[in-house]
PDB file of N, CA and C in Angstrom:
ATOM      1  N   UNK A   1       0.861  -1.358   0.087  1.00  0.00           N
ATOM      2  CA  UNK A   1       0.139   0.009  -0.005  1.00  0.00           C
ATOM      3  C   UNK A   1       0.837   1.056  -0.078  1.00  0.00           C
ATOM      4  N   UNK A   2       2.117   1.090   0.445  1.00  0.00           N
ATOM      5  CA  UNK A   2       3.143   2.339   0.160  1.00  0.00           C
ATOM      6  C   UNK A   2       3.231   2.757  -1.065  1.00  0.00           C
ATOM      7  N   UNK A   3       3.422   1.989  -2.112  1.00  0.00           N
ATOM      8  CA  UNK A   3       3.508   2.341  -3.374  1.00  0.00           C
ATOM      9  C   UNK A   3       2.156   2.225  -4.170  1.00  0.00           C
ATOM     10  N   UNK A   4       1.989   3.041  -5.089  1.00  0.00           N
ATOM     11  CA  UNK A   4       0.730   3.000  -5.984  1.00  0.00           C
ATOM     12  C   UNK A   4       0.503   1.735  -6.817  1.00  0.00           C
ATOM     13  N   UNK A   5      -0.478   1.213  -7.017  1.00  0.00           N
ATOM     14  CA  UNK A   5      -0.756  -0.067  -7.565  1.00  0.00           C
ATOM     15  C   UNK A   5      -0.559   0.466  -9.093  1.00  0.00           C
ATOM     16  N   UNK A   6      -0.207  -0.513  -9.983  1.00  0.00           N
ATOM     17  CA  UNK A   6       0.055  -0.056 -11.338  1.00  0.00           C
ATOM     18  C   UNK A   6      -1.233  -0.475 -12.079  1.00  0.00           C
ATOM     19  N   UNK A   7      -2.191   0.369 -11.879  1.00  0.00           N
ATOM     20  CA  UNK A   7      -3.586   0.070 -12.423  1.00  0.00           C
ATOM     21  C   UNK A   7      -4.086   1.513 -13.103  1.00  0.00           C
ATOM     22  N   UNK A   8      -5.053   1.199 -14.020  1.00  0.00           N
ATOM     23  CA  UNK A   8      -5.585   2.401 -14.723  1.00  0.00           C
ATOM     24  C   UNK A   8      -6.761   2.735 -14.127  1.00  0.00           C
ATOM     25  N   UNK A   9      -7.308   2.024 -13.478  1.00  0.00           N
ATOM     26  CA  UNK A   9      -8.596   2.356 -12.637  1.00  0.00           C
ATOM     27  C   UNK A   9      -8.518   2.347 -11.100  1.00  0.00           C
ATOM     28  N   UNK A  10      -9.388   3.004 -10.399  1.00  0.00           N
ATOM     29  CA  UNK A  10      -9.262   2.789  -8.900  1.00  0.00           C
ATOM     30  C   UNK A  10      -9.884   1.450  -8.633  1.00  0.00           C
ATOM     31  N   UNK A  11      -9.398   1.067  -7.365  1.00  0.00           N
ATOM     32  CA  UNK A  11     -10.219  -0.134  -6.737  1.00  0.00           C
ATOM     33  C   UNK A  11     -10.289   0.020  -5.438  1.00  0.00           C
ATOM     34  N   UNK A  12     -10.920  -0.903  -4.730  1.00  0.00           N
ATOM     35  CA  UNK A  12     -11.235  -0.916  -3.289  1.00  0.00           C
ATOM     36  C   UNK A  12     -10.857  -2.314  -2.783  1.00  0.00           C
ATOM     37  N   UNK A  13     -10.377  -2.436  -1.523  1.00  0.00           N
ATOM     38  CA  UNK A  13      -9.951  -3.729  -0.870  1.00  0.00           C
ATOM     39  C   UNK A  13     -10.544  -3.581   0.377  1.00  0.00           C
ATOM     40  N   UNK A  14     -11.292  -4.564   0.652  1.00  0.00           N
ATOM     41  CA  UNK A  14     -12.064  -4.655   2.060  1.00  0.00           C
ATOM     42  C   UNK A  14     -11.408  -5.634   2.964  1.00  0.00           C
ATOM     43  N   UNK A  15     -11.198  -5.169   4.181  1.00  0.00           N
ATOM     44  CA  UNK A  15     -10.661  -6.209   5.075  1.00  0.00           C
ATOM     45  C   UNK A  15     -11.801  -6.161   6.275  1.00  0.00           C
ATOM     46  N   UNK A  16     -12.270  -7.584   6.471  1.00  0.00           N
ATOM     47  CA  UNK A  16     -13.182  -7.939   7.400  1.00  0.00           C
ATOM     48  C   UNK A  16     -12.426  -7.831   8.718  1.00  0.00           C
ATOM     49  N   UNK A  17     -12.760  -7.129   9.553  1.00  0.00           N
ATOM     50  CA  UNK A  17     -12.103  -6.778  11.149  1.00  0.00           C
ATOM     51  C   UNK A  17     -12.866  -7.085  12.161  1.00  0.00           C
ATOM     52  N   UNK A  18     -14.252  -7.510  12.002  1.00  0.00           N
ATOM     53  CA  UNK A  18     -14.950  -7.936  13.210  1.00  0.00           C
ATOM     54  C   UNK A  18     -16.277  -8.316  12.809  1.00  0.00           C
ATOM     55  N   UNK A  19     -16.993  -8.827  13.739  1.00  0.00           N
ATOM     56  CA  UNK A  19     -18.355  -9.303  13.432  1.00  0.00           C
ATOM     57  C   UNK A  19     -19.325  -9.085  14.713  1.00  0.00           C
ATOM     58  N   UNK A  20     -20.572  -9.332  14.648  1.00  0.00           N
ATOM     59  CA  UNK A  20     -21.447  -9.453  15.931  1.00  0.00           C
ATOM     60  C   UNK A  20     -21.172 -10.485  16.671  1.00  0.00           C
ATOM     61  N   UNK A  21     -22.067 -10.540  17.653  1.00  0.00           N
ATOM     62  CA  UNK A  21     -21.830 -11.580  18.821  1.00  0.00           C
ATOM     63  C   UNK A  21     -21.689 -12.969  18.613  1.00  0.00           C
ATOM     64  N   UNK A  22     -22.389 -13.233  17.253  1.00  0.00           N
ATOM     65  CA  UNK A  22     -22.476 -14.670  16.978  1.00  0.00           C
ATOM     66  C   UNK A  22     -21.079 -15.221  16.371  1.00  0.00           C
ATOM     67  N   UNK A  23     -20.354 -14.194  15.742  1.00  0.00           N
ATOM     68  CA  UNK A  23     -18.982 -14.673  15.011  1.00  0.00           C
ATOM     69  C   UNK A  23     -17.788 -13.729  15.768  1.00  0.00           C
ATOM     70  N   UNK A  24     -18.041 -13.065  16.560  1.00  0.00           N
ATOM     71  CA  UNK A  24     -17.092 -12.094  17.198  1.00  0.00           C
ATOM     72  C   UNK A  24     -15.761 -12.820  17.743  1.00  0.00           C
ATOM     73  N   UNK A  25     -15.769 -14.006  17.990  1.00  0.00           N
ATOM     74  CA  UNK A  25     -14.579 -14.646  18.692  1.00  0.00           C
ATOM     75  C   UNK A  25     -13.617 -15.073  17.204  1.00  0.00           C
ATOM     76  N   UNK A  26     -14.304 -14.919  15.983  1.00  0.00           N
ATOM     77  CA  UNK A  26     -13.377 -15.283  15.160  1.00  0.00           C
ATOM     78  C   UNK A  26     -12.245 -14.234  14.637  1.00  0.00           C
ATOM     79  N   UNK A  27     -12.617 -12.938  15.163  1.00  0.00           N
ATOM     80  CA  UNK A  27     -11.643 -11.808  14.962  1.00  0.00           C
ATOM     81  C   UNK A  27     -10.951 -11.164  16.078  1.00  0.00           C
ATOM     82  N   UNK A  28      -9.603 -10.755  15.922  1.00  0.00           N
ATOM     83  CA  UNK A  28      -9.117 -10.205  17.048  1.00  0.00           C
ATOM     84  C   UNK A  28      -9.464  -8.808  17.390  1.00  0.00           C
ATOM     85  N   UNK A  29      -9.630  -8.418  18.737  1.00  0.00           N
ATOM     86  CA  UNK A  29     -10.247  -7.008  19.076  1.00  0.00           C
ATOM     87  C   UNK A  29      -9.647  -6.091  18.527  1.00  0.00           C
ATOM     88  N   UNK A  30      -8.273  -6.145  18.338  1.00  0.00           N
ATOM     89  CA  UNK A  30      -7.500  -5.207  17.684  1.00  0.00           C
ATOM     90  C   UNK A  30      -7.104  -5.094  16.404  1.00  0.00           C
ATOM     91  N   UNK A  31      -7.788  -5.796  15.610  1.00  0.00           N
ATOM     92  CA  UNK A  31      -7.617  -5.897  14.100  1.00  0.00           C
ATOM     93  C   UNK A  31      -7.822  -4.559  13.361  1.00  0.00           C
ATOM     94  N   UNK A  32      -8.884  -4.065  13.780  1.00  0.00           N
ATOM     95  CA  UNK A  32      -9.418  -2.637  13.179  1.00  0.00           C
ATOM     96  C   UNK A  32      -8.409  -1.570  13.353  1.00  0.00           C
ATOM     97  N   UNK A  33      -7.998  -1.662  14.689  1.00  0.00           N
ATOM     98  CA  UNK A  33      -7.099  -0.419  14.876  1.00  0.00           C
ATOM     99  C   UNK A  33      -5.655  -0.805  14.289  1.00  0.00           C
ATOM    100  N   UNK A  34      -5.121  -1.946  14.090  1.00  0.00           N
ATOM    101  CA  UNK A  34      -3.766  -2.257  13.567  1.00  0.00           C
ATOM    102  C   UNK A  34      -3.941  -1.961  12.210  1.00  0.00           C
ATOM    103  N   UNK A  35      -5.148  -2.206  11.441  1.00  0.00           N
ATOM    104  CA  UNK A  35      -4.964  -1.783   9.996  1.00  0.00           C
ATOM    105  C   UNK A  35      -4.984  -0.462   9.829  1.00  0.00           C
ATOM    106  N   UNK A  36      -5.942   0.230  10.528  1.00  0.00           N
ATOM    107  CA  UNK A  36      -6.054   1.882  10.244  1.00  0.00           C
ATOM    108  C   UNK A  36      -4.814   2.486  10.649  1.00  0.00           C
ATOM    109  N   UNK A  37      -4.240   2.136  11.956  1.00  0.00           N
ATOM    110  CA  UNK A  37      -3.023   2.878  12.412  1.00  0.00           C
ATOM    111  C   UNK A  37      -1.758   2.603  11.232  1.00  0.00           C
ATOM    112  N   UNK A  38      -1.841   1.553  10.642  1.00  0.00           N
ATOM    113  CA  UNK A  38      -0.785   1.294   9.706  1.00  0.00           C
ATOM    114  C   UNK A  38      -1.177   2.166   8.362  1.00  0.00           C
ATOM    115  N   UNK A  39      -2.442   2.316   7.965  1.00  0.00           N
ATOM    116  CA  UNK A  39      -2.719   3.059   6.916  1.00  0.00           C
ATOM    117  C   UNK A  39      -2.415   4.529   7.000  1.00  0.00           C
ATOM    118  N   UNK A  40      -2.763   5.046   8.198  1.00  0.00           N
ATOM    119  CA  UNK A  40      -2.320   6.314   8.553  1.00  0.00           C
ATOM    120  C   UNK A  40      -0.855   6.675   8.421  1.00  0.00           C
ATOM    121  N   UNK A  41      -0.013   5.781   8.845  1.00  0.00           N
ATOM    122  CA  UNK A  41       1.197   5.716   8.951  1.00  0.00           C
ATOM    123  C   UNK A  41       1.896   6.014   7.397  1.00  0.00           C
ATOM    124  N   UNK A  42       1.084   5.380   6.406  1.00  0.00           N
ATOM    125  CA  UNK A  42       1.477   5.175   5.130  1.00  0.00           C
ATOM    126  C   UNK A  42       0.819   6.422   4.350  1.00  0.00           C
ATOM    127  N   UNK A  43       0.178   7.311   4.916  1.00  0.00           N
ATOM    128  CA  UNK A  43      -0.351   8.442   4.428  1.00  0.00           C
ATOM    129  C   UNK A  43      -1.666   8.517   4.098  1.00  0.00           C
ATOM    130  N   UNK A  44      -2.421   7.313   4.520  1.00  0.00           N
ATOM    131  CA  UNK A  44      -3.908   7.361   4.093  1.00  0.00           C
ATOM    132  C   UNK A  44      -4.791   8.168   5.188  1.00  0.00           C
ATOM    133  N   UNK A  45      -5.979   8.590   4.804  1.00  0.00           N
ATOM    134  CA  UNK A  45      -6.783   9.321   5.675  1.00  0.00           C
ATOM    135  C   UNK A  45      -8.029   8.577   5.757  1.00  0.00           C
ATOM    136  N   UNK A  46      -8.695   8.748   6.615  1.00  0.00           N
ATOM    137  CA  UNK A  46     -10.241   8.236   6.802  1.00  0.00           C
ATOM    138  C   UNK A  46     -11.021   9.357   6.161  1.00  0.00           C
ATOM    139  N   UNK A  47     -11.857   8.813   5.239  1.00  0.00           N
ATOM    140  CA  UNK A  47     -12.922   9.598   4.577  1.00  0.00           C
ATOM    141  C   UNK A  47     -14.178   8.689   4.363  1.00  0.00           C
ATOM    142  N   UNK A  48     -15.211   9.140   4.871  1.00  0.00           N
ATOM    143  CA  UNK A  48     -16.394   8.399   4.915  1.00  0.00           C
ATOM    144  C   UNK A  48     -17.072   8.280   3.352  1.00  0.00           C
ATOM    145  N   UNK A  49     -16.540   9.151   2.464  1.00  0.00           N
ATOM    146  CA  UNK A  49     -17.185   8.991   1.155  1.00  0.00           C
ATOM    147  C   UNK A  49     -16.283   8.252   0.266  1.00  0.00           C
ATOM    148  N   UNK A  50     -14.841   7.733   0.823  1.00  0.00           N
ATOM    149  CA  UNK A  50     -14.141   7.089  -0.078  1.00  0.00           C
ATOM    150  C   UNK A  50     -13.489   8.050  -1.108  1.00  0.00           C
ATOM    151  N   UNK A  51     -12.331   7.419  -1.675  1.00  0.00           N
ATOM    152  CA  UNK A  51     -11.538   8.226  -2.591  1.00  0.00           C
ATOM    153  C   UNK A  51     -10.348   7.792  -2.565  1.00  0.00           C
ATOM    154  N   UNK A  52      -9.521   7.830  -3.692  1.00  0.00           N
ATOM    155  CA  UNK A  52      -8.106   7.329  -3.860  1.00  0.00           C
ATOM    156  C   UNK A  52      -7.413   8.090  -2.543  1.00  0.00           C
ATOM    157  N   UNK A  53      -6.667   6.873  -2.048  1.00  0.00           N
ATOM    158  CA  UNK A  53      -5.572   7.431  -0.853  1.00  0.00           C
ATOM    159  C   UNK A  53      -6.348   7.538   0.421  1.00  0.00           C
ATOM    160  N   UNK A  54      -7.714   6.711   0.638  1.00  0.00           N
ATOM    161  CA  UNK A  54      -8.498   6.871   1.577  1.00  0.00           C
ATOM    162  C   UNK A  54      -8.839   5.498   2.199  1.00  0.00           C
ATOM    163  N   UNK A  55      -9.475   5.644   3.217  1.00  0.00           N
ATOM    164  CA  UNK A  55     -10.170   4.466   3.822  1.00  0.00           C
ATOM    165  C   UNK A  55     -11.304   4.800   4.661  1.00  0.00           C
ATOM    166  N   UNK A  56     -12.209   3.800   4.906  1.00  0.00           N
ATOM    167  CA  UNK A  56     -13.445   4.038   5.600  1.00  0.00           C
ATOM    168  C   UNK A  56     -13.749   3.009   6.466  1.00  0.00           C
ATOM    169  N   UNK A  57     -14.429   3.106   7.398  1.00  0.00           N
ATOM    170  CA  UNK A  57     -15.006   2.099   8.349  1.00  0.00           C
ATOM    171  C   UNK A  57     -16.277   1.824   8.078  1.00  0.00           C
ATOM    172  N   UNK A  58     -16.795   0.461   8.075  1.00  0.00           N
ATOM    173  CA  UNK A  58     -18.056   0.399   7.633  1.00  0.00           C
ATOM    174  C   UNK A  58     -18.623  -0.832   8.625  1.00  0.00           C
ATOM    175  N   UNK A  59     -19.959  -0.800   8.869  1.00  0.00           N
ATOM    176  CA  UNK A  59     -20.586  -2.037   9.421  1.00  0.00           C
ATOM    177  C   UNK A  59     -21.670  -2.455   8.739  1.00  0.00           C
ATOM    178  N   UNK A  60     -21.561  -3.675   8.212  1.00  0.00           N
ATOM    179  CA  UNK A  60     -22.551  -4.198   7.337  1.00  0.00           C
ATOM    180  C   UNK A  60     -23.857  -4.819   8.415  1.00  0.00           C
ATOM    181  N   UNK A  61     -24.665  -4.178   8.525  1.00  0.00           N
ATOM    182  CA  UNK A  61     -25.837  -4.814   9.396  1.00  0.00           C
ATOM    183  C   UNK A  61     -26.230  -6.173   8.957  1.00  0.00           C
ATOM    184  N   UNK A  62     -26.402  -6.078   7.436  1.00  0.00           N
ATOM    185  CA  UNK A  62     -27.079  -7.201   6.975  1.00  0.00           C
ATOM    186  C   UNK A  62     -26.331  -8.563   7.071  1.00  0.00           C
ATOM    187  N   UNK A  63     -24.753  -8.550   6.918  1.00  0.00           N
ATOM    188  CA  UNK A  63     -24.003  -9.655   7.203  1.00  0.00           C
ATOM    189  C   UNK A  63     -23.277  -9.737   8.581  1.00  0.00           C
ATOM    190  N   UNK A  64     -23.877  -8.342   9.317  1.00  0.00           N
ATOM    191  CA  UNK A  64     -23.223  -8.354  10.683  1.00  0.00           C
ATOM    192  C   UNK A  64     -21.705  -8.475  10.751  1.00  0.00           C
ATOM    193  N   UNK A  65     -21.184  -7.649   9.808  1.00  0.00           N
ATOM    194  CA  UNK A  65     -19.575  -7.592   9.684  1.00  0.00           C
ATOM    195  C   UNK A  65     -18.935  -6.036   9.769  1.00  0.00           C
ATOM    196  N   UNK A  66     -17.997  -5.956  10.346  1.00  0.00           N
ATOM    197  CA  UNK A  66     -17.433  -4.684  10.610  1.00  0.00           C
ATOM    198  C   UNK A  66     -16.088  -4.899   9.606  1.00  0.00           C
ATOM    199  N   UNK A  67     -15.809  -3.792   8.749  1.00  0.00           N
ATOM    200  CA  UNK A  67     -15.002  -3.833   7.893  1.00  0.00           C
ATOM    201  C   UNK A  67     -14.158  -2.528   7.585  1.00  0.00           C
ATOM    202  N   UNK A  68     -13.056  -2.600   7.119  1.00  0.00           N
ATOM    203  CA  UNK A  68     -12.305  -1.518   6.680  1.00  0.00           C
ATOM    204  C   UNK A  68     -12.164  -1.634   5.218  1.00  0.00           C
ATOM    205  N   UNK A  69     -12.402  -0.564   4.516  1.00  0.00           N
ATOM    206  CA  UNK A  69     -12.518  -0.367   3.080  1.00  0.00           C
ATOM    207  C   UNK A  69     -11.498   0.436   2.526  1.00  0.00           C
ATOM    208  N   UNK A  70     -10.440   0.087   1.965  1.00  0.00           N
ATOM    209  CA  UNK A  70      -9.278   0.932   1.450  1.00  0.00           C
ATOM    210  C   UNK A  70      -9.422   1.289  -0.060  1.00  0.00           C
ATOM    211  N   UNK A  71      -9.143   2.517  -0.294  1.00  0.00           N
ATOM    212  CA  UNK A  71      -9.151   2.879  -1.827  1.00  0.00           C
ATOM    213  C   UNK A  71      -7.692   3.261  -2.136  1.00  0.00           C
ATOM    214  N   UNK A  72      -6.864   2.396  -2.412  1.00  0.00           N
ATOM    215  CA  UNK A  72      -5.419   2.521  -2.558  1.00  0.00           C
ATOM    216  C   UNK A  72      -5.169   3.537  -3.841  1.00  0.00           C
ATOM    217  N   UNK A  73      -4.052   4.252  -3.792  1.00  0.00           N
ATOM    218  CA  UNK A  73      -3.387   4.880  -4.769  1.00  0.00           C
ATOM    219  C   UNK A  73      -3.214   4.015  -5.977  1.00  0.00           C
ATOM    220  N   UNK A  74      -3.320   4.591  -7.082  1.00  0.00           N
ATOM    221  CA  UNK A  74      -3.197   3.736  -8.145  1.00  0.00           C
ATOM    222  C   UNK A  74      -2.314   4.855  -9.186  1.00  0.00           C
ATOM    223  N   UNK A  75      -1.493   4.177  -9.945  1.00  0.00           N
ATOM    224  CA  UNK A  75      -0.771   4.809 -11.256  1.00  0.00           C
ATOM    225  C   UNK A  75      -1.281   4.462 -12.480  1.00  0.00           C
ATOM    226  N   UNK A  76      -1.885   5.228 -13.319  1.00  0.00           N
ATOM    227  CA  UNK A  76      -2.359   4.662 -14.529  1.00  0.00           C
ATOM    228  C   UNK A  76      -2.010   5.709 -15.557  1.00  0.00           C
ATOM    229  N   UNK A  77      -2.520   5.506 -16.871  1.00  0.00           N
ATOM    230  CA  UNK A  77      -2.194   6.427 -17.925  1.00  0.00           C
ATOM    231  C   UNK A  77      -3.155   7.853 -17.704  1.00  0.00           C
ATOM    232  N   UNK A  78      -2.696   8.868 -17.696  1.00  0.00           N
ATOM    233  CA  UNK A  78      -3.340  10.242 -17.603  1.00  0.00           C
ATOM    234  C   UNK A  78      -4.344  10.422 -18.547  1.00  0.00           C
ATOM    235  N   UNK A  79      -5.505  10.827 -18.400  1.00  0.00           N
ATOM    236  CA  UNK A  79      -6.624  10.958 -19.504  1.00  0.00           C
ATOM    237  C   UNK A  79      -6.150  12.067 -20.457  1.00  0.00           C
ATOM    238  N   UNK A  80      -6.173  11.970 -21.753  1.00  0.00           N
ATOM    239  CA  UNK A  80      -5.920  12.867 -22.915  1.00  0.00           C
ATOM    240  C   UNK A  80      -4.638  13.371 -23.066  1.00  0.00           C
ATOM    241  N   UNK A  81      -3.648  12.225 -22.592  1.00  0.00           N
ATOM    242  CA  UNK A  81      -2.309  12.462 -22.751  1.00  0.00           C
ATOM    243  C   UNK A  81      -1.534  11.254 -23.612  1.00  0.00           C
ATOM    244  N   UNK A  82      -2.332  10.552 -24.348  1.00  0.00           N
ATOM    245  CA  UNK A  82      -1.779   9.389 -24.885  1.00  0.00           C
ATOM    246  C   UNK A  82      -1.071   9.562 -26.058  1.00  0.00           C
ATOM    247  N   UNK A  83       0.017   8.920 -26.327  1.00  0.00           N
ATOM    248  CA  UNK A  83       0.883   9.327 -27.429  1.00  0.00           C
ATOM    249  C   UNK A  83       0.960   8.009 -28.411  1.00  0.00           C
ATOM    250  N   UNK A  84       1.167   8.324 -29.568  1.00  0.00           N
ATOM    251  CA  UNK A  84       1.101   7.149 -30.655  1.00  0.00           C
ATOM    252  C   UNK A  84       2.482   6.883 -31.020  1.00  0.00           C
TER     253      UNK A  84
END
């Protein structure tokens, strides 16, 4: 995550970091904090809207999962600057 991904389109990566009481024991209590602290050290910022170089925390109540969604930096072709 330190270096931009060599992609032309943005992507999102989802880490499952917790769950409701029926599956809570499957996840470490510090998983979310460990991921977000490392992302901050790499220059990522929390943004509820998402966007390149950001992350957001989500709680999917339908699946009863807590996740960290990361929108990593990407390097692709700049639009309008293609050369033949």
